[in-house]
PDB file of N, CA and C in Angstrom:
ATOM      1  N   MET A   1     -56.356 -80.832 -83.197  1.00  0.00           N
ATOM      2  CA  MET A   1     -55.044 -80.119 -83.005  1.00  0.00           C
ATOM      3  C   MET A   1     -53.808 -81.055 -82.652  1.00  0.00           C
ATOM      4  N   LYS A   2     -52.728 -80.977 -83.366  1.00  0.00           N
ATOM      5  CA  LYS A   2     -51.570 -81.688 -83.196  1.00  0.00           C
ATOM      6  C   LYS A   2     -50.838 -81.212 -82.011  1.00  0.00           C
ATOM      7  N   LYS A   3     -50.128 -82.123 -81.331  1.00  0.00           N
ATOM      8  CA  LYS A   3     -49.185 -81.843 -80.121  1.00  0.00           C
ATOM      9  C   LYS A   3     -47.849 -82.124 -80.773  1.00  0.00           C
ATOM     10  N   GLY A   4     -46.738 -81.464 -80.325  1.00  0.00           N
ATOM     11  CA  GLY A   4     -45.370 -81.625 -80.664  1.00  0.00           C
ATOM     12  C   GLY A   4     -44.729 -80.321 -81.555  1.00  0.00           C
ATOM     13  N   PHE A   5     -43.712 -80.565 -81.885  1.00  0.00           N
ATOM     14  CA  PHE A   5     -43.036 -79.494 -82.444  1.00  0.00           C
ATOM     15  C   PHE A   5     -42.858 -79.702 -84.021  1.00  0.00           C
ATOM     16  N   THR A   6     -42.769 -78.658 -84.734  1.00  0.00           N
ATOM     17  CA  THR A   6     -42.595 -78.915 -86.101  1.00  0.00           C
ATOM     18  C   THR A   6     -41.147 -79.103 -86.461  1.00  0.00           C
ATOM     19  N   LEU A   7     -40.761 -79.441 -87.658  1.00  0.00           N
ATOM     20  CA  LEU A   7     -39.432 -79.736 -88.005  1.00  0.00           C
ATOM     21  C   LEU A   7     -38.718 -78.253 -87.878  1.00  0.00           C
ATOM     22  N   VAL A   8     -39.388 -77.256 -88.310  1.00  0.00           N
ATOM     23  CA  VAL A   8     -38.485 -76.055 -88.398  1.00  0.00           C
ATOM     24  C   VAL A   8     -38.368 -75.443 -86.911  1.00  0.00           C
ATOM     25  N   GLU A   9     -39.320 -75.862 -85.961  1.00  0.00           N
ATOM     26  CA  GLU A   9     -39.061 -75.453 -84.641  1.00  0.00           C
ATOM     27  C   GLU A   9     -37.794 -76.273 -84.127  1.00  0.00           C
ATOM     28  N   LEU A  10     -37.789 -77.681 -84.357  1.00  0.00           N
ATOM     29  CA  LEU A  10     -36.759 -78.275 -83.966  1.00  0.00           C
ATOM     30  C   LEU A  10     -35.415 -77.974 -84.514  1.00  0.00           C
ATOM     31  N   LEU A  11     -35.382 -77.411 -85.756  1.00  0.00           N
ATOM     32  CA  LEU A  11     -34.030 -76.946 -86.296  1.00  0.00           C
ATOM     33  C   LEU A  11     -33.607 -75.648 -85.791  1.00  0.00           C
ATOM     34  N   ALA A  12     -34.538 -74.908 -85.509  1.00  0.00           N
ATOM     35  CA  ALA A  12     -34.204 -73.615 -84.733  1.00  0.00           C
ATOM     36  C   ALA A  12     -33.648 -73.779 -83.494  1.00  0.00           C
ATOM     37  N   VAL A  13     -34.064 -74.798 -82.637  1.00  0.00           N
ATOM     38  CA  VAL A  13     -33.590 -75.042 -81.386  1.00  0.00           C
ATOM     39  C   VAL A  13     -32.068 -75.552 -81.494  1.00  0.00           C
ATOM     40  N   ILE A  14     -31.927 -76.507 -82.556  1.00  0.00           N
ATOM     41  CA  ILE A  14     -30.645 -77.013 -82.833  1.00  0.00           C
ATOM     42  C   ILE A  14     -29.494 -75.935 -83.122  1.00  0.00           C
ATOM     43  N   VAL A  15     -30.116 -75.120 -83.853  1.00  0.00           N
ATOM     44  CA  VAL A  15     -29.201 -73.925 -84.439  1.00  0.00           C
ATOM     45  C   VAL A  15     -28.860 -73.000 -83.326  1.00  0.00           C
ATOM     46  N   VAL A  16     -29.743 -72.818 -82.335  1.00  0.00           N
ATOM     47  CA  VAL A  16     -29.523 -71.929 -81.154  1.00  0.00           C
ATOM     48  C   VAL A  16     -28.464 -72.617 -80.195  1.00  0.00           C
ATOM     49  N   LEU A  17     -28.801 -73.777 -80.085  1.00  0.00           N
ATOM     50  CA  LEU A  17     -27.765 -74.661 -79.234  1.00  0.00           C
ATOM     51  C   LEU A  17     -26.357 -74.674 -79.908  1.00  0.00           C
ATOM     52  N   ALA A  18     -26.186 -74.860 -81.217  1.00  0.00           N
ATOM     53  CA  ALA A  18     -24.874 -75.176 -81.867  1.00  0.00           C
ATOM     54  C   ALA A  18     -24.324 -73.560 -81.683  1.00  0.00           C
ATOM     55  N   ALA A  19     -24.991 -72.613 -81.663  1.00  0.00           N
ATOM     56  CA  ALA A  19     -24.458 -71.225 -81.542  1.00  0.00           C
ATOM     57  C   ALA A  19     -23.933 -70.878 -80.265  1.00  0.00           C
ATOM     58  N   ILE A  20     -24.696 -71.417 -79.071  1.00  0.00           N
ATOM     59  CA  ILE A  20     -24.268 -71.277 -77.793  1.00  0.00           C
ATOM     60  C   ILE A  20     -23.162 -72.199 -77.562  1.00  0.00           C
ATOM     61  N   SER A  21     -22.778 -73.203 -78.143  1.00  0.00           N
ATOM     62  CA  SER A  21     -21.886 -74.032 -77.960  1.00  0.00           C
ATOM     63  C   SER A  21     -20.575 -73.710 -78.634  1.00  0.00           C
ATOM     64  N   LEU A  22     -20.684 -72.944 -79.613  1.00  0.00           N
ATOM     65  CA  LEU A  22     -19.663 -72.214 -80.457  1.00  0.00           C
ATOM     66  C   LEU A  22     -18.982 -71.200 -79.443  1.00  0.00           C
ATOM     67  N   VAL A  23     -19.581 -70.566 -78.647  1.00  0.00           N
ATOM     68  CA  VAL A  23     -19.226 -69.469 -77.927  1.00  0.00           C
ATOM     69  C   VAL A  23     -18.608 -70.100 -76.394  1.00  0.00           C
ATOM     70  N   ILE A  24     -19.320 -71.157 -75.920  1.00  0.00           N
ATOM     71  CA  ILE A  24     -19.007 -71.612 -74.630  1.00  0.00           C
ATOM     72  C   ILE A  24     -17.822 -72.570 -74.627  1.00  0.00           C
ATOM     73  N   ILE A  25     -17.771 -73.452 -75.619  1.00  0.00           N
ATOM     74  CA  ILE A  25     -16.601 -74.481 -75.657  1.00  0.00           C
ATOM     75  C   ILE A  25     -15.326 -73.679 -75.756  1.00  0.00           C
ATOM     76  N   PRO A  26     -14.935 -72.802 -76.442  1.00  0.00           N
ATOM     77  CA  PRO A  26     -13.559 -72.107 -76.558  1.00  0.00           C
ATOM     78  C   PRO A  26     -13.055 -71.558 -75.266  1.00  0.00           C
ATOM     79  N   ALA A  27     -14.369 -71.024 -74.590  1.00  0.00           N
ATOM     80  CA  ALA A  27     -14.040 -70.332 -73.248  1.00  0.00           C
ATOM     81  C   ALA A  27     -13.542 -71.336 -72.331  1.00  0.00           C
ATOM     82  N   VAL A  28     -14.304 -72.443 -72.380  1.00  0.00           N
ATOM     83  CA  VAL A  28     -14.059 -73.449 -71.328  1.00  0.00           C
ATOM     84  C   VAL A  28     -12.803 -74.037 -71.558  1.00  0.00           C
ATOM     85  N   ASN A  29     -12.445 -74.357 -72.860  1.00  0.00           N
ATOM     86  CA  ASN A  29     -11.070 -75.012 -73.223  1.00  0.00           C
ATOM     87  C   ASN A  29     -10.139 -73.829 -72.765  1.00  0.00           C
ATOM     88  N   GLY A  30     -10.348 -72.644 -72.932  1.00  0.00           N
ATOM     89  CA  GLY A  30      -9.251 -71.605 -72.646  1.00  0.00           C
ATOM     90  C   GLY A  30      -8.853 -71.633 -70.940  1.00  0.00           C
ATOM     91  N   ASN A  31      -9.980 -71.712 -70.250  1.00  0.00           N
ATOM     92  CA  ASN A  31      -9.871 -71.799 -68.892  1.00  0.00           C
ATOM     93  C   ASN A  31      -9.166 -72.993 -68.292  1.00  0.00           C
ATOM     94  N   LEU A  32      -9.284 -74.177 -69.054  1.00  0.00           N
ATOM     95  CA  LEU A  32      -8.698 -75.317 -68.647  1.00  0.00           C
ATOM     96  C   LEU A  32      -7.242 -75.132 -69.029  1.00  0.00           C
ATOM     97  N   ASN A  33      -7.070 -74.603 -70.162  1.00  0.00           N
ATOM     98  CA  ASN A  33      -5.547 -74.491 -70.604  1.00  0.00           C
ATOM     99  C   ASN A  33      -4.734 -73.534 -69.475  1.00  0.00           C
ATOM    100  N   ARG A  34      -5.420 -72.428 -69.254  1.00  0.00           N
ATOM    101  CA  ARG A  34      -4.914 -71.440 -68.251  1.00  0.00           C
ATOM    102  C   ARG A  34      -4.576 -72.092 -66.947  1.00  0.00           C
ATOM    103  N   SER A  35      -5.555 -72.905 -66.397  1.00  0.00           N
ATOM    104  CA  SER A  35      -5.437 -73.721 -65.135  1.00  0.00           C
ATOM    105  C   SER A  35      -4.305 -74.662 -65.298  1.00  0.00           C
ATOM    106  N   ARG A  36      -4.074 -75.386 -66.414  1.00  0.00           N
ATOM    107  CA  ARG A  36      -3.074 -76.270 -66.457  1.00  0.00           C
ATOM    108  C   ARG A  36      -1.677 -75.588 -66.295  1.00  0.00           C
ATOM    109  N   GLU A  37      -1.548 -74.265 -67.186  1.00  0.00           N
ATOM    110  CA  GLU A  37      -0.359 -73.544 -67.059  1.00  0.00           C
ATOM    111  C   GLU A  37      -0.160 -73.086 -65.670  1.00  0.00           C
ATOM    112  N   GLN A  38      -1.199 -72.603 -65.116  1.00  0.00           N
ATOM    113  CA  GLN A  38      -0.790 -72.112 -63.585  1.00  0.00           C
ATOM    114  C   GLN A  38      -0.284 -73.269 -62.657  1.00  0.00           C
ATOM    115  N   SER A  39      -0.894 -74.411 -62.909  1.00  0.00           N
ATOM    116  CA  SER A  39      -0.656 -75.861 -62.074  1.00  0.00           C
ATOM    117  C   SER A  39       0.729 -75.932 -62.508  1.00  0.00           C
ATOM    118  N   TYR A  40       1.200 -76.057 -63.616  1.00  0.00           N
ATOM    119  CA  TYR A  40       2.568 -76.278 -64.149  1.00  0.00           C
ATOM    120  C   TYR A  40       3.480 -75.439 -63.551  1.00  0.00           C
ATOM    121  N   ASP A  41       3.156 -74.129 -63.535  1.00  0.00           N
ATOM    122  CA  ASP A  41       4.031 -73.173 -62.878  1.00  0.00           C
ATOM    123  C   ASP A  41       4.401 -73.423 -61.341  1.00  0.00           C
ATOM    124  N   VAL A  42       3.252 -73.687 -60.589  1.00  0.00           N
ATOM    125  CA  VAL A  42       3.358 -74.162 -58.954  1.00  0.00           C
ATOM    126  C   VAL A  42       4.118 -75.314 -59.062  1.00  0.00           C
ATOM    127  N   GLN A  43       4.138 -76.340 -60.062  1.00  0.00           N
ATOM    128  CA  GLN A  43       4.857 -77.297 -59.658  1.00  0.00           C
ATOM    129  C   GLN A  43       6.384 -77.144 -59.965  1.00  0.00           C
ATOM    130  N   VAL A  44       6.686 -76.176 -60.937  1.00  0.00           N
ATOM    131  CA  VAL A  44       8.154 -75.950 -61.150  1.00  0.00           C
ATOM    132  C   VAL A  44       8.556 -75.004 -59.899  1.00  0.00           C
ATOM    133  N   LYS A  45       7.827 -74.274 -59.455  1.00  0.00           N
ATOM    134  CA  LYS A  45       8.133 -73.512 -58.259  1.00  0.00           C
ATOM    135  C   LYS A  45       8.541 -74.488 -57.005  1.00  0.00           C
ATOM    136  N   ASN A  46       7.616 -75.553 -56.893  1.00  0.00           N
ATOM    137  CA  ASN A  46       7.890 -76.580 -55.929  1.00  0.00           C
ATOM    138  C   ASN A  46       9.196 -77.329 -56.091  1.00  0.00           C
ATOM    139  N   ILE A  47       9.447 -77.634 -57.307  1.00  0.00           N
ATOM    140  CA  ILE A  47      10.735 -78.303 -57.670  1.00  0.00           C
ATOM    141  C   ILE A  47      11.963 -77.429 -57.397  1.00  0.00           C
ATOM    142  N   GLU A  48      11.660 -76.144 -57.666  1.00  0.00           N
ATOM    143  CA  GLU A  48      12.809 -75.084 -57.303  1.00  0.00           C
ATOM    144  C   GLU A  48      12.974 -75.015 -55.812  1.00  0.00           C
ATOM    145  N   GLU A  49      11.936 -74.995 -55.056  1.00  0.00           N
ATOM    146  CA  GLU A  49      11.995 -74.876 -53.657  1.00  0.00           C
ATOM    147  C   GLU A  49      12.569 -76.218 -53.016  1.00  0.00           C
ATOM    148  N   ALA A  50      12.355 -77.210 -53.634  1.00  0.00           N
ATOM    149  CA  ALA A  50      13.036 -78.568 -53.175  1.00  0.00           C
ATOM    150  C   ALA A  50      14.424 -78.588 -53.412  1.00  0.00           C
ATOM    151  N   ALA A  51      14.844 -77.918 -54.489  1.00  0.00           N
ATOM    152  CA  ALA A  51      16.402 -77.924 -54.890  1.00  0.00           C
ATOM    153  C   ALA A  51      16.947 -76.861 -53.849  1.00  0.00           C
ATOM    154  N   LYS A  52      16.306 -75.859 -53.523  1.00  0.00           N
ATOM    155  CA  LYS A  52      16.657 -75.105 -52.396  1.00  0.00           C
ATOM    156  C   LYS A  52      16.997 -75.674 -51.045  1.00  0.00           C
ATOM    157  N   ASN A  53      15.882 -76.573 -50.737  1.00  0.00           N
ATOM    158  CA  ASN A  53      16.265 -77.279 -49.597  1.00  0.00           C
ATOM    159  C   ASN A  53      17.329 -78.413 -49.744  1.00  0.00           C
ATOM    160  N   TRP A  54      17.491 -78.874 -50.856  1.00  0.00           N
ATOM    161  CA  TRP A  54      18.648 -79.874 -51.150  1.00  0.00           C
ATOM    162  C   TRP A  54      19.965 -79.125 -51.066  1.00  0.00           C
ATOM    163  N   ALA A  55      19.896 -77.861 -51.440  1.00  0.00           N
ATOM    164  CA  ALA A  55      21.166 -77.295 -51.502  1.00  0.00           C
ATOM    165  C   ALA A  55      21.559 -76.708 -50.028  1.00  0.00           C
ATOM    166  N   ALA A  56      20.618 -76.366 -49.300  1.00  0.00           N
ATOM    167  CA  ALA A  56      20.936 -76.099 -47.795  1.00  0.00           C
ATOM    168  C   ALA A  56      21.575 -77.397 -46.969  1.00  0.00           C
ATOM    169  N   ASP A  57      21.260 -78.608 -47.450  1.00  0.00           N
ATOM    170  CA  ASP A  57      21.837 -79.879 -46.724  1.00  0.00           C
ATOM    171  C   ASP A  57      23.040 -80.152 -47.566  1.00  0.00           C
ATOM    172  N   HIS A  58      23.393 -79.627 -48.734  1.00  0.00           N
ATOM    173  CA  HIS A  58      24.548 -80.060 -49.297  1.00  0.00           C
ATOM    174  C   HIS A  58      25.470 -78.719 -49.846  1.00  0.00           C
ATOM    175  N   ILE A  59      25.744 -78.084 -48.884  1.00  0.00           N
ATOM    176  CA  ILE A  59      26.428 -76.875 -48.987  1.00  0.00           C
ATOM    177  C   ILE A  59      27.769 -77.015 -49.920  1.00  0.00           C
ATOM    178  N   GLY A  60      28.348 -78.244 -49.666  1.00  0.00           N
ATOM    179  CA  GLY A  60      29.603 -78.526 -50.042  1.00  0.00           C
ATOM    180  C   GLY A  60      29.579 -78.705 -51.558  1.00  0.00           C
ATOM    181  N   ALA A  61      28.410 -79.126 -52.136  1.00  0.00           N
ATOM    182  CA  ALA A  61      28.206 -79.338 -53.522  1.00  0.00           C
ATOM    183  C   ALA A  61      27.960 -78.151 -54.425  1.00  0.00           C
ATOM    184  N   LEU A  62      27.470 -77.146 -53.692  1.00  0.00           N
ATOM    185  CA  LEU A  62      27.171 -75.830 -54.546  1.00  0.00           C
ATOM    186  C   LEU A  62      28.272 -75.390 -55.298  1.00  0.00           C
ATOM    187  N   PRO A  63      28.070 -74.790 -56.472  1.00  0.00           N
ATOM    188  CA  PRO A  63      29.099 -74.104 -57.231  1.00  0.00           C
ATOM    189  C   PRO A  63      29.690 -73.045 -56.803  1.00  0.00           C
ATOM    190  N   ASP A  64      30.946 -72.888 -57.342  1.00  0.00           N
ATOM    191  CA  ASP A  64      31.754 -71.673 -57.150  1.00  0.00           C
ATOM    192  C   ASP A  64      31.127 -70.478 -57.930  1.00  0.00           C
ATOM    193  N   ASN A  65      31.688 -69.361 -57.539  1.00  0.00           N
ATOM    194  CA  ASN A  65      31.376 -68.070 -58.237  1.00  0.00           C
ATOM    195  C   ASN A  65      31.308 -68.302 -59.811  1.00  0.00           C
ATOM    196  N   GLY A  66      30.198 -67.962 -60.501  1.00  0.00           N
ATOM    197  CA  GLY A  66      30.104 -68.227 -61.969  1.00  0.00           C
ATOM    198  C   GLY A  66      29.900 -69.499 -62.490  1.00  0.00           C
ATOM    199  N   ASP A  67      29.963 -70.602 -61.559  1.00  0.00           N
ATOM    200  CA  ASP A  67      29.824 -71.954 -62.140  1.00  0.00           C
ATOM    201  C   ASP A  67      28.393 -72.389 -61.744  1.00  0.00           C
ATOM    202  N   THR A  68      28.053 -73.398 -62.512  1.00  0.00           N
ATOM    203  CA  THR A  68      26.768 -73.930 -62.265  1.00  0.00           C
ATOM    204  C   THR A  68      26.681 -75.444 -61.809  1.00  0.00           C
ATOM    205  N   TYR A  69      25.697 -76.097 -61.189  1.00  0.00           N
ATOM    206  CA  TYR A  69      25.524 -77.281 -60.725  1.00  0.00           C
ATOM    207  C   TYR A  69      24.198 -77.962 -61.385  1.00  0.00           C
ATOM    208  N   ILE A  70      24.230 -79.064 -61.957  1.00  0.00           N
ATOM    209  CA  ILE A  70      22.919 -79.697 -62.519  1.00  0.00           C
ATOM    210  C   ILE A  70      22.434 -80.783 -61.536  1.00  0.00           C
ATOM    211  N   LEU A  71      21.350 -80.535 -61.042  1.00  0.00           N
ATOM    212  CA  LEU A  71      20.621 -81.545 -60.128  1.00  0.00           C
ATOM    213  C   LEU A  71      19.509 -82.040 -60.859  1.00  0.00           C
ATOM    214  N   THR A  72      19.296 -83.302 -60.732  1.00  0.00           N
ATOM    215  CA  THR A  72      17.982 -84.150 -61.355  1.00  0.00           C
ATOM    216  C   THR A  72      16.955 -84.179 -60.344  1.00  0.00           C
ATOM    217  N   LEU A  73      15.666 -84.196 -60.995  1.00  0.00           N
ATOM    218  CA  LEU A  73      14.502 -84.520 -60.089  1.00  0.00           C
ATOM    219  C   LEU A  73      14.555 -85.712 -59.357  1.00  0.00           C
ATOM    220  N   GLN A  74      15.283 -86.725 -59.989  1.00  0.00           N
ATOM    221  CA  GLN A  74      15.501 -88.038 -59.324  1.00  0.00           C
ATOM    222  C   GLN A  74      16.426 -87.837 -58.198  1.00  0.00           C
ATOM    223  N   ASP A  75      17.256 -87.011 -58.141  1.00  0.00           N
ATOM    224  CA  ASP A  75      18.025 -86.610 -56.943  1.00  0.00           C
ATOM    225  C   ASP A  75      17.207 -86.073 -55.797  1.00  0.00           C
ATOM    226  N   LEU A  76      16.304 -85.177 -56.166  1.00  0.00           N
ATOM    227  CA  LEU A  76      15.460 -84.652 -55.112  1.00  0.00           C
ATOM    228  C   LEU A  76      14.506 -85.801 -54.585  1.00  0.00           C
ATOM    229  N   GLN A  77      13.899 -86.591 -55.443  1.00  0.00           N
ATOM    230  CA  GLN A  77      13.075 -87.686 -54.990  1.00  0.00           C
ATOM    231  C   GLN A  77      13.730 -88.686 -54.192  1.00  0.00           C
ATOM    232  N   ASP A  78      15.043 -88.869 -54.528  1.00  0.00           N
ATOM    233  CA  ASP A  78      15.668 -90.123 -53.749  1.00  0.00           C
ATOM    234  C   ASP A  78      16.058 -89.437 -52.369  1.00  0.00           C
ATOM    235  N   GLY A  79      16.267 -88.143 -52.323  1.00  0.00           N
ATOM    236  CA  GLY A  79      16.525 -87.529 -51.045  1.00  0.00           C
ATOM    237  C   GLY A  79      15.438 -87.152 -50.141  1.00  0.00           C
ATOM    238  N   ASN A  80      14.093 -87.583 -50.617  1.00  0.00           N
ATOM    239  CA  ASN A  80      12.882 -87.220 -50.208  1.00  0.00           C
ATOM    240  C   ASN A  80      12.575 -85.546 -50.039  1.00  0.00           C
ATOM    241  N   TYR A  81      13.103 -84.810 -50.895  1.00  0.00           N
ATOM    242  CA  TYR A  81      12.938 -83.480 -50.858  1.00  0.00           C
ATOM    243  C   TYR A  81      11.637 -83.135 -51.612  1.00  0.00           C
ATOM    244  N   ILE A  82      11.311 -84.022 -52.473  1.00  0.00           N
ATOM    245  CA  ILE A  82       9.892 -83.909 -53.224  1.00  0.00           C
ATOM    246  C   ILE A  82       9.322 -85.220 -53.507  1.00  0.00           C
ATOM    247  N   SER A  83       7.975 -85.251 -53.713  1.00  0.00           N
ATOM    248  CA  SER A  83       7.173 -86.399 -53.906  1.00  0.00           C
ATOM    249  C   SER A  83       7.508 -87.179 -55.138  1.00  0.00           C
ATOM    250  N   LYS A  84       7.652 -88.490 -54.987  1.00  0.00           N
ATOM    251  CA  LYS A  84       8.154 -89.594 -55.997  1.00  0.00           C
ATOM    252  C   LYS A  84       7.023 -89.477 -57.275  1.00  0.00           C
ATOM    253  N   ASP A  85       5.759 -89.186 -56.825  1.00  0.00           N
ATOM    254  CA  ASP A  85       4.620 -89.158 -57.853  1.00  0.00           C
ATOM    255  C   ASP A  85       4.293 -87.897 -58.302  1.00  0.00           C
ATOM    256  N   LEU A  86       5.137 -86.955 -58.539  1.00  0.00           N
ATOM    257  CA  LEU A  86       4.822 -85.412 -58.923  1.00  0.00           C
ATOM    258  C   LEU A  86       4.472 -85.585 -60.383  1.00  0.00           C
ATOM    259  N   GLU A  87       3.363 -84.815 -60.760  1.00  0.00           N
ATOM    260  CA  GLU A  87       2.720 -85.092 -61.881  1.00  0.00           C
ATOM    261  C   GLU A  87       2.772 -83.760 -62.695  1.00  0.00           C
ATOM    262  N   ASN A  88       3.074 -83.913 -64.051  1.00  0.00           N
ATOM    263  CA  ASN A  88       2.978 -82.756 -64.959  1.00  0.00           C
ATOM    264  C   ASN A  88       1.537 -82.458 -65.169  1.00  0.00           C
ATOM    265  N   PRO A  89       1.075 -81.183 -64.999  1.00  0.00           N
ATOM    266  CA  PRO A  89      -0.257 -80.925 -65.229  1.00  0.00           C
ATOM    267  C   PRO A  89      -0.561 -80.713 -66.696  1.00  0.00           C
ATOM    268  N   LYS A  90       0.590 -80.365 -67.535  1.00  0.00           N
ATOM    269  CA  LYS A  90       0.284 -80.285 -68.938  1.00  0.00           C
ATOM    270  C   LYS A  90       0.006 -81.598 -69.628  1.00  0.00           C
ATOM    271  N   THR A  91       0.843 -82.507 -69.245  1.00  0.00           N
ATOM    272  CA  THR A  91       0.656 -84.063 -69.916  1.00  0.00           C
ATOM    273  C   THR A  91      -0.150 -84.933 -69.021  1.00  0.00           C
ATOM    274  N   GLN A  92      -0.396 -84.678 -67.950  1.00  0.00           N
ATOM    275  CA  GLN A  92      -1.064 -85.558 -67.097  1.00  0.00           C
ATOM    276  C   GLN A  92      -0.295 -86.838 -66.757  1.00  0.00           C
ATOM    277  N   ARG A  93       1.013 -86.776 -66.820  1.00  0.00           N
ATOM    278  CA  ARG A  93       2.021 -87.844 -66.638  1.00  0.00           C
ATOM    279  C   ARG A  93       2.978 -87.567 -65.680  1.00  0.00           C
ATOM    280  N   PRO A  94       3.632 -88.486 -64.822  1.00  0.00           N
ATOM    281  CA  PRO A  94       4.667 -87.946 -63.956  1.00  0.00           C
ATOM    282  C   PRO A  94       5.723 -87.236 -64.692  1.00  0.00           C
ATOM    283  N   PHE A  95       6.289 -86.339 -64.009  1.00  0.00           N
ATOM    284  CA  PHE A  95       7.664 -85.664 -64.528  1.00  0.00           C
ATOM    285  C   PHE A  95       8.615 -86.567 -64.527  1.00  0.00           C
ATOM    286  N   ASP A  96       9.550 -86.660 -65.546  1.00  0.00           N
ATOM    287  CA  ASP A  96      10.651 -87.600 -65.889  1.00  0.00           C
ATOM    288  C   ASP A  96      11.598 -87.329 -64.686  1.00  0.00           C
ATOM    289  N   GLY A  97      12.347 -88.282 -64.159  1.00  0.00           N
ATOM    290  CA  GLY A  97      13.180 -88.310 -63.169  1.00  0.00           C
ATOM    291  C   GLY A  97      14.604 -87.417 -63.472  1.00  0.00           C
ATOM    292  N   SER A  98      14.643 -87.419 -64.942  1.00  0.00           N
ATOM    293  CA  SER A  98      15.980 -86.967 -65.464  1.00  0.00           C
ATOM    294  C   SER A  98      15.727 -85.409 -65.839  1.00  0.00           C
ATOM    295  N   LEU A  99      14.533 -84.882 -65.306  1.00  0.00           N
ATOM    296  CA  LEU A  99      14.312 -83.449 -65.445  1.00  0.00           C
ATOM    297  C   LEU A  99      15.493 -82.828 -64.551  1.00  0.00           C
ATOM    298  N   GLN A 100      15.994 -81.686 -65.254  1.00  0.00           N
ATOM    299  CA  GLN A 100      17.284 -81.155 -64.629  1.00  0.00           C
ATOM    300  C   GLN A 100      16.927 -79.905 -63.994  1.00  0.00           C
ATOM    301  N   ILE A 101      17.547 -79.423 -62.756  1.00  0.00           N
ATOM    302  CA  ILE A 101      17.535 -78.264 -62.173  1.00  0.00           C
ATOM    303  C   ILE A 101      18.836 -77.660 -62.082  1.00  0.00           C
ATOM    304  N   MET A 102      18.817 -76.518 -62.654  1.00  0.00           N
ATOM    305  CA  MET A 102      20.210 -75.924 -62.754  1.00  0.00           C
ATOM    306  C   MET A 102      20.465 -74.884 -61.380  1.00  0.00           C
ATOM    307  N   ILE A 103      21.655 -74.988 -60.782  1.00  0.00           N
ATOM    308  CA  ILE A 103      21.964 -74.124 -59.641  1.00  0.00           C
ATOM    309  C   ILE A 103      23.058 -73.230 -60.162  1.00  0.00           C
ATOM    310  N   LYS A 104      22.922 -72.078 -60.183  1.00  0.00           N
ATOM    311  CA  LYS A 104      24.027 -71.077 -60.748  1.00  0.00           C
ATOM    312  C   LYS A 104      24.499 -70.175 -59.781  1.00  0.00           C
ATOM    313  N   ASN A 105      25.581 -70.023 -59.398  1.00  0.00           N
ATOM    314  CA  ASN A 105      26.268 -69.023 -58.403  1.00  0.00           C
ATOM    315  C   ASN A 105      26.431 -67.780 -59.100  1.00  0.00           C
ATOM    316  N   ASN A 106      25.806 -66.665 -58.865  1.00  0.00           N
ATOM    317  CA  ASN A 106      26.079 -65.336 -59.223  1.00  0.00           C
ATOM    318  C   ASN A 106      26.471 -64.500 -58.128  1.00  0.00           C
ATOM    319  N   ASN A 107      27.796 -64.505 -57.940  1.00  0.00           N
ATOM    320  CA  ASN A 107      28.254 -63.743 -56.928  1.00  0.00           C
ATOM    321  C   ASN A 107      27.750 -63.921 -55.531  1.00  0.00           C
ATOM    322  N   GLU A 108      27.878 -65.194 -55.157  1.00  0.00           N
ATOM    323  CA  GLU A 108      27.438 -65.833 -53.952  1.00  0.00           C
ATOM    324  C   GLU A 108      25.933 -65.758 -53.738  1.00  0.00           C
ATOM    325  N   SER A 109      25.123 -65.428 -54.977  1.00  0.00           N
ATOM    326  CA  SER A 109      23.749 -65.640 -54.866  1.00  0.00           C
ATOM    327  C   SER A 109      23.263 -66.531 -55.757  1.00  0.00           C
ATOM    328  N   TYR A 110      22.545 -67.453 -55.463  1.00  0.00           N
ATOM    329  CA  TYR A 110      22.358 -68.745 -56.179  1.00  0.00           C
ATOM    330  C   TYR A 110      20.869 -68.686 -56.854  1.00  0.00           C
ATOM    331  N   VAL A 111      20.864 -69.076 -58.114  1.00  0.00           N
ATOM    332  CA  VAL A 111      19.727 -68.977 -58.948  1.00  0.00           C
ATOM    333  C   VAL A 111      19.364 -70.347 -59.370  1.00  0.00           C
ATOM    334  N   TYR A 112      18.088 -70.739 -59.055  1.00  0.00           N
ATOM    335  CA  TYR A 112      17.547 -72.085 -59.208  1.00  0.00           C
ATOM    336  C   TYR A 112      16.684 -72.080 -60.612  1.00  0.00           C
ATOM    337  N   LYS A 113      16.859 -72.843 -61.303  1.00  0.00           N
ATOM    338  CA  LYS A 113      15.995 -72.828 -62.618  1.00  0.00           C
ATOM    339  C   LYS A 113      15.688 -74.464 -63.159  1.00  0.00           C
ATOM    340  N   VAL A 114      14.588 -74.561 -63.264  1.00  0.00           N
ATOM    341  CA  VAL A 114      14.186 -75.939 -64.025  1.00  0.00           C
ATOM    342  C   VAL A 114      14.413 -75.756 -65.601  1.00  0.00           C
ATOM    343  N   ILE A 115      15.156 -76.767 -65.956  1.00  0.00           N
ATOM    344  CA  ILE A 115      15.611 -76.717 -67.477  1.00  0.00           C
ATOM    345  C   ILE A 115      14.570 -77.607 -68.072  1.00  0.00           C
ATOM    346  N   GLU A 116      13.729 -77.038 -68.942  1.00  0.00           N
ATOM    347  CA  GLU A 116      12.763 -77.775 -69.778  1.00  0.00           C
ATOM    348  C   GLU A 116      13.302 -78.269 -71.075  1.00  0.00           C
ATOM    349  N   SER A 117      12.992 -79.601 -71.391  1.00  0.00           N
ATOM    350  CA  SER A 117      13.571 -80.195 -72.510  1.00  0.00           C
ATOM    351  C   SER A 117      12.419 -80.150 -73.507  1.00  0.00           C
TER     352      SER A 117
END
């Protein structure tokens, strides 16, 4: 009596493993992409919060009604409002210091928005 597997049995196992990987790999990639998007959204919110803190310290620089003011990420980093090694989760690289944050005055209500290039 021979011990071991036949070629057909080995091929059947390979086919089953391939089918399982066809189902699992896209699901894992989708979860990773969603996690990166969520992390990116959190980073953008942190940048906007840092801009609000900057604005609280620089009230005189805020725009008049209907106007906008452009602040850069480098300005926030230089003022220690946000970490200098802030990383973009989508690209796994540091955010560019020239990333812009728009501060717009809408009837004495300020809107903070990161401008993506």
